[in-house]
């Protein structure tokens, strides 16, 4: 994961759940920050969980979220 990636899953209430993968800021870093949250405009986004993963773990998590979690690639929400 060379650049930030957003995955979004719509909810019935008009909001959405999101997962944002952000690569480490150090060049050559193998760490990726994964941020999970929800957003219901016009409210502020809610960050539910954040963790650091190795690059291969982040890629596995991305695939799992897209295949089983109903998440789709998206432009940044905010």
N, C-alpha and C. Protein backbone atom coordinates (compact mmCIF):
# COMPACT_ATOMS: atom_id res chain seq x y z
N UNK A 1 0.84 -1.17 0.00
CA UNK A 1 0.00 0.00 0.00
C UNK A 1 0.89 1.24 0.00
N UNK A 2 1.00 1.86 -1.13
CA UNK A 2 1.91 2.99 -1.27
C UNK A 2 1.28 4.33 -0.93
N UNK A 3 -0.05 4.41 -0.96
CA UNK A 3 -0.72 5.67 -0.66
C UNK A 3 -2.01 5.38 0.11
N UNK A 4 -2.60 6.42 0.73
CA UNK A 4 -3.82 6.20 1.52
C UNK A 4 -4.94 5.57 0.69
N UNK A 5 -5.72 4.73 1.34
CA UNK A 5 -6.82 4.03 0.68
C UNK A 5 -8.05 4.11 1.58
N UNK A 6 -9.19 4.44 0.99
CA UNK A 6 -10.46 4.53 1.71
C UNK A 6 -11.39 3.43 1.24
N UNK A 7 -12.02 2.74 2.20
CA UNK A 7 -13.08 1.78 1.93
C UNK A 7 -14.32 2.25 2.68
N UNK A 8 -15.48 2.19 2.02
CA UNK A 8 -16.72 2.71 2.61
C UNK A 8 -17.83 1.69 2.42
N UNK A 9 -18.69 1.59 3.46
CA UNK A 9 -19.87 0.73 3.39
C UNK A 9 -21.07 1.58 3.83
N UNK A 10 -22.07 1.78 2.94
CA UNK A 10 -23.23 2.59 3.30
C UNK A 10 -24.09 1.91 4.37
N UNK A 11 -24.77 2.74 5.16
CA UNK A 11 -25.69 2.24 6.19
C UNK A 11 -27.11 2.69 5.86
N UNK A 12 -28.09 2.04 6.47
CA UNK A 12 -29.50 2.35 6.21
C UNK A 12 -29.91 3.74 6.69
N UNK A 13 -29.19 4.30 7.67
CA UNK A 13 -29.57 5.61 8.22
C UNK A 13 -29.00 6.79 7.42
N UNK A 14 -28.38 6.51 6.28
CA UNK A 14 -27.81 7.56 5.44
C UNK A 14 -26.34 7.83 5.71
N UNK A 15 -25.82 7.23 6.74
CA UNK A 15 -24.40 7.38 7.05
C UNK A 15 -23.59 6.27 6.40
N UNK A 16 -22.36 6.15 6.83
CA UNK A 16 -21.51 5.09 6.30
C UNK A 16 -20.47 4.69 7.33
N UNK A 17 -20.01 3.46 7.20
CA UNK A 17 -18.85 2.98 7.95
C UNK A 17 -17.66 3.13 7.02
N UNK A 18 -16.51 3.45 7.57
CA UNK A 18 -15.34 3.62 6.72
C UNK A 18 -14.12 2.96 7.36
N UNK A 19 -13.18 2.59 6.51
CA UNK A 19 -11.86 2.12 6.93
C UNK A 19 -10.86 2.87 6.06
N UNK A 20 -9.88 3.46 6.71
CA UNK A 20 -8.87 4.25 6.02
C UNK A 20 -7.51 3.64 6.31
N UNK A 21 -6.78 3.24 5.27
CA UNK A 21 -5.44 2.71 5.42
C UNK A 21 -4.44 3.81 5.06
N UNK A 22 -3.52 4.11 5.98
CA UNK A 22 -2.55 5.18 5.76
C UNK A 22 -1.14 4.60 5.92
N UNK A 23 -0.35 4.58 4.86
CA UNK A 23 1.02 4.06 4.96
C UNK A 23 1.86 4.89 5.93
N UNK A 24 2.85 4.24 6.55
CA UNK A 24 3.75 4.94 7.46
C UNK A 24 4.46 6.09 6.76
N UNK A 25 4.79 7.12 7.52
CA UNK A 25 5.40 8.32 6.93
C UNK A 25 6.89 8.17 6.66
N UNK A 26 7.52 7.16 7.25
CA UNK A 26 8.95 6.94 7.03
C UNK A 26 9.16 6.21 5.71
N UNK A 27 10.01 6.71 4.83
CA UNK A 27 10.26 6.00 3.56
C UNK A 27 10.73 4.57 3.82
N UNK A 28 10.15 3.63 3.09
CA UNK A 28 10.50 2.23 3.24
C UNK A 28 9.84 1.55 4.43
N UNK A 29 8.99 2.27 5.13
CA UNK A 29 8.31 1.70 6.29
C UNK A 29 7.33 0.61 5.85
N UNK A 30 7.29 -0.49 6.61
CA UNK A 30 6.38 -1.59 6.30
C UNK A 30 5.09 -1.48 7.10
N UNK A 31 4.95 -0.44 7.91
CA UNK A 31 3.77 -0.29 8.76
C UNK A 31 2.68 0.53 8.06
N UNK A 32 1.44 0.13 8.30
CA UNK A 32 0.27 0.83 7.76
C UNK A 32 -0.70 1.06 8.92
N UNK A 33 -1.18 2.29 9.06
CA UNK A 33 -2.18 2.59 10.09
C UNK A 33 -3.56 2.32 9.50
N UNK A 34 -4.38 1.56 10.24
CA UNK A 34 -5.75 1.28 9.82
C UNK A 34 -6.68 2.00 10.79
N UNK A 35 -7.53 2.89 10.24
CA UNK A 35 -8.49 3.65 11.04
C UNK A 35 -9.90 3.21 10.66
N UNK A 36 -10.68 2.81 11.65
CA UNK A 36 -12.07 2.40 11.41
C UNK A 36 -13.00 3.38 12.10
N UNK A 37 -14.09 3.74 11.42
CA UNK A 37 -15.02 4.67 12.02
C UNK A 37 -16.34 4.71 11.29
N UNK A 38 -17.15 5.70 11.66
CA UNK A 38 -18.44 5.90 11.00
C UNK A 38 -18.66 7.39 10.80
N UNK A 39 -19.55 7.70 9.87
CA UNK A 39 -19.82 9.10 9.55
C UNK A 39 -21.28 9.24 9.16
N UNK A 40 -21.96 10.19 9.80
CA UNK A 40 -23.35 10.52 9.49
C UNK A 40 -23.41 12.04 9.35
N UNK A 41 -23.27 12.55 8.10
CA UNK A 41 -23.29 14.00 7.91
C UNK A 41 -24.58 14.60 8.47
N UNK A 42 -24.56 15.79 9.02
CA UNK A 42 -23.45 16.74 9.09
C UNK A 42 -22.60 16.58 10.35
N UNK A 43 -22.74 15.50 11.08
CA UNK A 43 -21.96 15.30 12.30
C UNK A 43 -20.49 15.06 11.97
N UNK A 44 -19.65 15.24 12.97
CA UNK A 44 -18.22 14.94 12.82
C UNK A 44 -18.05 13.43 12.70
N UNK A 45 -17.06 12.97 11.94
CA UNK A 45 -16.79 11.54 11.85
C UNK A 45 -16.40 10.98 13.22
N UNK A 46 -16.78 9.74 13.46
CA UNK A 46 -16.46 9.06 14.71
C UNK A 46 -15.38 8.02 14.44
N UNK A 47 -14.25 8.14 15.11
CA UNK A 47 -13.17 7.16 15.00
C UNK A 47 -13.43 6.09 16.05
N UNK A 48 -13.67 4.85 15.60
CA UNK A 48 -13.97 3.75 16.51
C UNK A 48 -12.72 2.99 16.94
N UNK A 49 -11.79 2.83 16.01
CA UNK A 49 -10.61 2.02 16.31
C UNK A 49 -9.48 2.40 15.36
N UNK A 50 -8.27 2.32 15.86
CA UNK A 50 -7.09 2.50 15.00
C UNK A 50 -6.00 1.55 15.48
N UNK A 51 -5.25 1.03 14.51
CA UNK A 51 -4.16 0.11 14.84
C UNK A 51 -3.12 0.16 13.74
N UNK A 52 -1.94 -0.34 14.04
CA UNK A 52 -0.85 -0.42 13.07
C UNK A 52 -0.69 -1.86 12.64
N UNK A 53 -0.58 -2.08 11.34
CA UNK A 53 -0.41 -3.41 10.77
C UNK A 53 0.82 -3.43 9.87
N UNK A 54 1.38 -4.60 9.68
CA UNK A 54 2.41 -4.77 8.66
C UNK A 54 1.73 -4.66 7.30
N UNK A 55 2.48 -4.32 6.29
CA UNK A 55 1.91 -4.08 4.96
C UNK A 55 1.12 -5.29 4.45
N UNK A 56 1.64 -6.50 4.62
CA UNK A 56 0.93 -7.69 4.14
C UNK A 56 -0.34 -7.95 4.94
N UNK A 57 -0.33 -7.66 6.25
CA UNK A 57 -1.54 -7.80 7.07
C UNK A 57 -2.60 -6.80 6.63
N UNK A 58 -2.18 -5.59 6.32
CA UNK A 58 -3.12 -4.55 5.86
C UNK A 58 -3.77 -4.96 4.54
N UNK A 59 -2.99 -5.55 3.66
CA UNK A 59 -3.52 -6.00 2.37
C UNK A 59 -4.53 -7.13 2.58
N UNK A 60 -4.24 -8.06 3.49
CA UNK A 60 -5.19 -9.13 3.80
C UNK A 60 -6.48 -8.56 4.39
N UNK A 61 -6.35 -7.60 5.29
CA UNK A 61 -7.52 -6.98 5.91
C UNK A 61 -8.36 -6.26 4.86
N UNK A 62 -7.71 -5.57 3.93
CA UNK A 62 -8.43 -4.88 2.86
C UNK A 62 -9.24 -5.86 2.03
N UNK A 63 -8.62 -6.97 1.63
CA UNK A 63 -9.34 -7.97 0.84
C UNK A 63 -10.53 -8.54 1.61
N UNK A 64 -10.33 -8.84 2.89
CA UNK A 64 -11.40 -9.38 3.72
C UNK A 64 -12.57 -8.40 3.82
N UNK A 65 -12.27 -7.14 4.05
CA UNK A 65 -13.33 -6.12 4.16
C UNK A 65 -14.11 -5.98 2.85
N UNK A 66 -13.41 -6.05 1.73
CA UNK A 66 -14.09 -5.91 0.44
C UNK A 66 -14.88 -7.17 0.07
N UNK A 67 -14.33 -8.34 0.33
CA UNK A 67 -15.01 -9.57 -0.07
C UNK A 67 -16.13 -9.97 0.88
N UNK A 68 -15.91 -9.81 2.19
CA UNK A 68 -16.89 -10.29 3.16
C UNK A 68 -17.62 -9.18 3.91
N UNK A 69 -17.02 -8.00 3.98
CA UNK A 69 -17.60 -6.93 4.77
C UNK A 69 -18.49 -5.97 4.00
N UNK A 70 -18.52 -6.07 2.68
CA UNK A 70 -19.35 -5.18 1.88
C UNK A 70 -18.77 -3.80 1.67
N UNK A 71 -17.49 -3.61 1.93
CA UNK A 71 -16.85 -2.31 1.73
C UNK A 71 -16.43 -2.15 0.27
N UNK A 72 -16.47 -0.91 -0.21
CA UNK A 72 -16.07 -0.58 -1.57
C UNK A 72 -15.06 0.56 -1.54
N UNK A 73 -14.18 0.58 -2.54
CA UNK A 73 -13.19 1.66 -2.66
C UNK A 73 -13.92 2.99 -2.82
N UNK A 74 -13.37 4.04 -2.23
CA UNK A 74 -14.02 5.35 -2.25
C UNK A 74 -12.99 6.47 -2.30
N UNK A 75 -13.43 7.62 -2.74
CA UNK A 75 -12.65 8.84 -2.59
C UNK A 75 -12.67 9.20 -1.10
N UNK A 76 -11.72 9.99 -0.62
CA UNK A 76 -11.73 10.38 0.80
C UNK A 76 -13.05 11.04 1.20
N UNK A 77 -13.55 10.68 2.38
CA UNK A 77 -14.82 11.23 2.86
C UNK A 77 -14.67 12.64 3.42
N UNK A 78 -13.53 12.92 4.01
CA UNK A 78 -13.31 14.21 4.65
C UNK A 78 -11.84 14.53 4.65
